[in-house]
Amino acid sequence: MKIEDQIILNRFGQGLTDVESLERVFSPLDTFQKRLYLNNLIFLIQQSKPKNEDIEIAIRESQLKATFTPCVLLRKGVANHQLQRITGLPEPELSKSFILLLTLFKIAYQRRFSVEKNAPDKWWYWDLSEESKIQELIKSNIIQHPD
């Protein structure tokens, strides 16, 4: 995942970027790229340690119908193999999957952010509201996938 995508996703988790900005990144991608993006998003979700209690909140906050296939699959749990099933859905379901997974990410991320905020070794939990801080991160090559 590109550095810029990691930053915008973490800014979304902090409530600094709206879902429409992320949709503008996701929508023009081809099916293969969308699946890859969703897989990267799932990686970030797992790093944020989602809980099964987050599922119903994510469905409600995503404003998707609970009967949509991605929502039905998510109800089976937040284990990685369950989330991966969502990325395998047919192409017409990927936009709904994206919105649902973004919402799940934000819920889990915000819980971790409240505990890890400004941890020196975890840039993704730094306050990303200042553009100068983001540019400094990019210049210093400190940005990498969380592990």
Protein backbone atom coordinates (compact mmCIF):
# COMPACT_ATOMS: atom_id res chain seq x y z
CA MET A 1 0.00 0.00 0.00
CA LYS A 2 1.30 3.43 -0.90
CA ILE A 3 2.38 5.73 1.89
CA GLU A 4 -0.29 8.25 0.93
CA ASP A 5 -2.98 5.57 1.25
CA GLN A 6 -1.71 4.55 4.69
CA ILE A 7 -1.78 8.16 5.82
CA ILE A 8 -5.28 8.87 4.53
CA LEU A 9 -6.62 5.68 6.15
CA ASN A 10 -5.08 6.57 9.49
CA ARG A 11 -6.37 10.13 9.17
CA PHE A 12 -9.81 8.61 8.53
CA GLY A 13 -9.40 6.54 11.69
CA GLN A 14 -8.69 9.77 13.58
CA GLY A 15 -11.77 11.44 12.10
CA LEU A 16 -9.66 13.86 10.03
CA THR A 17 -10.69 12.59 6.58
CA ASP A 18 -14.17 11.77 5.34
CA VAL A 19 -15.29 8.58 3.66
CA GLU A 20 -15.87 10.41 0.36
CA SER A 21 -12.14 11.15 0.08
CA LEU A 22 -11.41 7.45 0.43
CA GLU A 23 -14.14 6.51 -2.04
CA ARG A 24 -12.45 8.77 -4.61
CA VAL A 25 -9.30 6.67 -4.19
CA PHE A 26 -11.11 3.31 -4.24
CA SER A 27 -13.77 3.78 -6.94
CA PRO A 28 -11.51 4.18 -10.01
CA LEU A 29 -9.48 1.06 -9.17
CA ASP A 30 -9.98 -2.07 -11.27
CA THR A 31 -11.31 -5.22 -9.59
CA PHE A 32 -7.86 -6.68 -8.87
CA GLN A 33 -6.66 -3.39 -7.35
CA LYS A 34 -9.84 -3.09 -5.27
CA ARG A 35 -9.29 -6.55 -3.81
CA LEU A 36 -5.66 -5.68 -3.07
CA TYR A 37 -6.73 -2.44 -1.38
CA LEU A 38 -9.30 -4.34 0.71
CA ASN A 39 -6.63 -6.86 1.73
CA ASN A 40 -4.39 -4.01 2.85
CA LEU A 41 -7.29 -2.48 4.74
CA ILE A 42 -7.91 -5.82 6.46
CA PHE A 43 -4.26 -5.86 7.51
CA LEU A 44 -4.77 -2.45 9.15
CA ILE A 45 -8.02 -3.64 10.74
CA GLN A 46 -6.24 -6.62 12.27
CA GLN A 47 -3.48 -4.36 13.61
CA SER A 48 -6.18 -2.31 15.33
CA LYS A 49 -7.48 -5.44 17.08
CA PRO A 50 -11.19 -5.41 16.26
CA LYS A 51 -13.61 -7.14 18.59
CA ASN A 52 -16.70 -9.13 17.70
CA GLU A 53 -18.69 -6.49 19.63
CA ASP A 54 -17.66 -4.01 16.92
CA ILE A 55 -19.60 -5.88 14.23
CA GLU A 56 -23.11 -4.57 14.88
CA ILE A 57 -21.79 -1.06 15.47
CA ALA A 58 -19.92 -1.18 12.15
CA ILE A 59 -23.00 -2.38 10.28
CA ARG A 60 -25.15 0.33 11.84
CA GLU A 61 -22.60 3.14 11.34
CA SER A 62 -21.86 2.09 7.75
CA GLN A 63 -25.55 2.70 6.99
CA LEU A 64 -25.60 -0.46 4.90
CA LYS A 65 -28.55 -2.83 5.05
CA ALA A 66 -27.81 -5.65 7.47
CA THR A 67 -28.95 -8.10 4.77
CA PHE A 68 -26.21 -7.06 2.32
CA THR A 69 -23.75 -9.88 1.75
CA PRO A 70 -20.71 -8.11 3.27
CA CYS A 71 -22.72 -7.46 6.46
CA VAL A 72 -23.90 -11.07 6.63
CA LEU A 73 -20.30 -12.28 6.26
CA LEU A 74 -19.00 -9.83 8.85
CA ARG A 75 -21.52 -11.14 11.36
CA LYS A 76 -19.57 -14.42 11.32
CA GLY A 77 -16.70 -12.71 13.15
CA VAL A 78 -13.67 -10.47 12.82
CA ALA A 79 -11.11 -13.24 12.51
CA ASN A 80 -8.80 -12.68 9.55
CA HIS A 81 -10.17 -15.63 7.55
CA GLN A 82 -13.71 -14.25 7.92
CA LEU A 83 -12.67 -10.78 6.78
CA GLN A 84 -10.80 -12.28 3.82
CA ARG A 85 -14.05 -13.87 2.62
CA ILE A 86 -15.44 -10.37 2.13
CA THR A 87 -12.68 -9.53 -0.36
CA GLY A 88 -13.70 -12.52 -2.48
CA LEU A 89 -17.20 -11.24 -3.10
CA PRO A 90 -18.25 -10.39 -6.67
CA GLU A 91 -17.13 -7.00 -7.99
CA PRO A 92 -20.54 -5.30 -7.50
CA GLU A 93 -20.24 -6.01 -3.74
CA LEU A 94 -16.78 -4.49 -3.33
CA SER A 95 -17.90 -0.89 -2.79
CA LYS A 96 -20.24 -1.98 0.00
CA SER A 97 -17.45 -4.14 1.40
CA PHE A 98 -15.13 -1.13 1.32
CA ILE A 99 -17.56 1.06 3.29
CA LEU A 100 -18.20 -1.67 5.85
CA LEU A 101 -14.52 -2.47 6.36
CA LEU A 102 -13.65 1.23 6.62
CA THR A 103 -16.25 1.59 9.34
CA LEU A 104 -14.94 -1.46 11.20
CA PHE A 105 -11.41 -0.08 10.88
CA LYS A 106 -12.42 3.29 12.31
CA ILE A 107 -14.13 1.73 15.32
CA ALA A 108 -11.19 -0.52 16.18
CA TYR A 109 -8.62 2.16 15.34
CA GLN A 110 -10.22 4.77 17.58
CA ARG A 111 -10.20 2.38 20.53
CA ARG A 112 -6.47 1.73 20.04
CA PHE A 113 -5.77 5.39 19.27
CA SER A 114 -7.12 6.43 22.67
CA VAL A 115 -4.55 4.13 24.32
CA GLU A 116 -1.60 4.42 21.91
CA LYS A 117 -1.86 8.09 20.88
CA ASN A 118 1.56 9.55 20.15
CA ALA A 119 3.44 6.34 20.96
CA PRO A 120 6.93 7.19 19.68
CA ASP A 121 7.39 3.92 17.79
CA LYS A 122 3.93 3.84 16.14
CA TRP A 123 3.52 6.72 13.68
CA TRP A 124 0.03 5.52 12.74
CA TYR A 125 -1.13 6.54 16.23
CA TRP A 126 0.50 9.97 16.08
CA ASP A 127 -1.76 13.00 15.73
CA LEU A 128 -1.97 13.34 11.94
CA SER A 129 -3.92 16.60 11.92
CA GLU A 130 -0.87 18.69 10.99
CA GLU A 131 0.26 18.59 7.36
CA SER A 132 3.79 19.56 8.39
CA LYS A 133 4.02 16.47 10.60
CA ILE A 134 2.91 14.27 7.70
CA GLN A 135 5.49 15.80 5.36
CA GLU A 136 8.16 15.29 8.00
CA LEU A 137 7.19 11.61 8.28
CA ILE A 138 7.38 11.14 4.52
CA LYS A 139 10.75 12.88 4.27
CA SER A 140 12.28 10.90 7.12
CA ASN A 141 11.20 7.59 5.55
CA ILE A 142 9.82 6.56 8.93
CA ILE A 143 6.53 5.51 7.39
CA GLN A 144 6.09 1.81 6.81
CA HIS A 145 3.37 -0.75 7.31
CA PRO A 146 2.50 -1.28 10.95
CA ASP A 147 3.70 -4.58 12.31
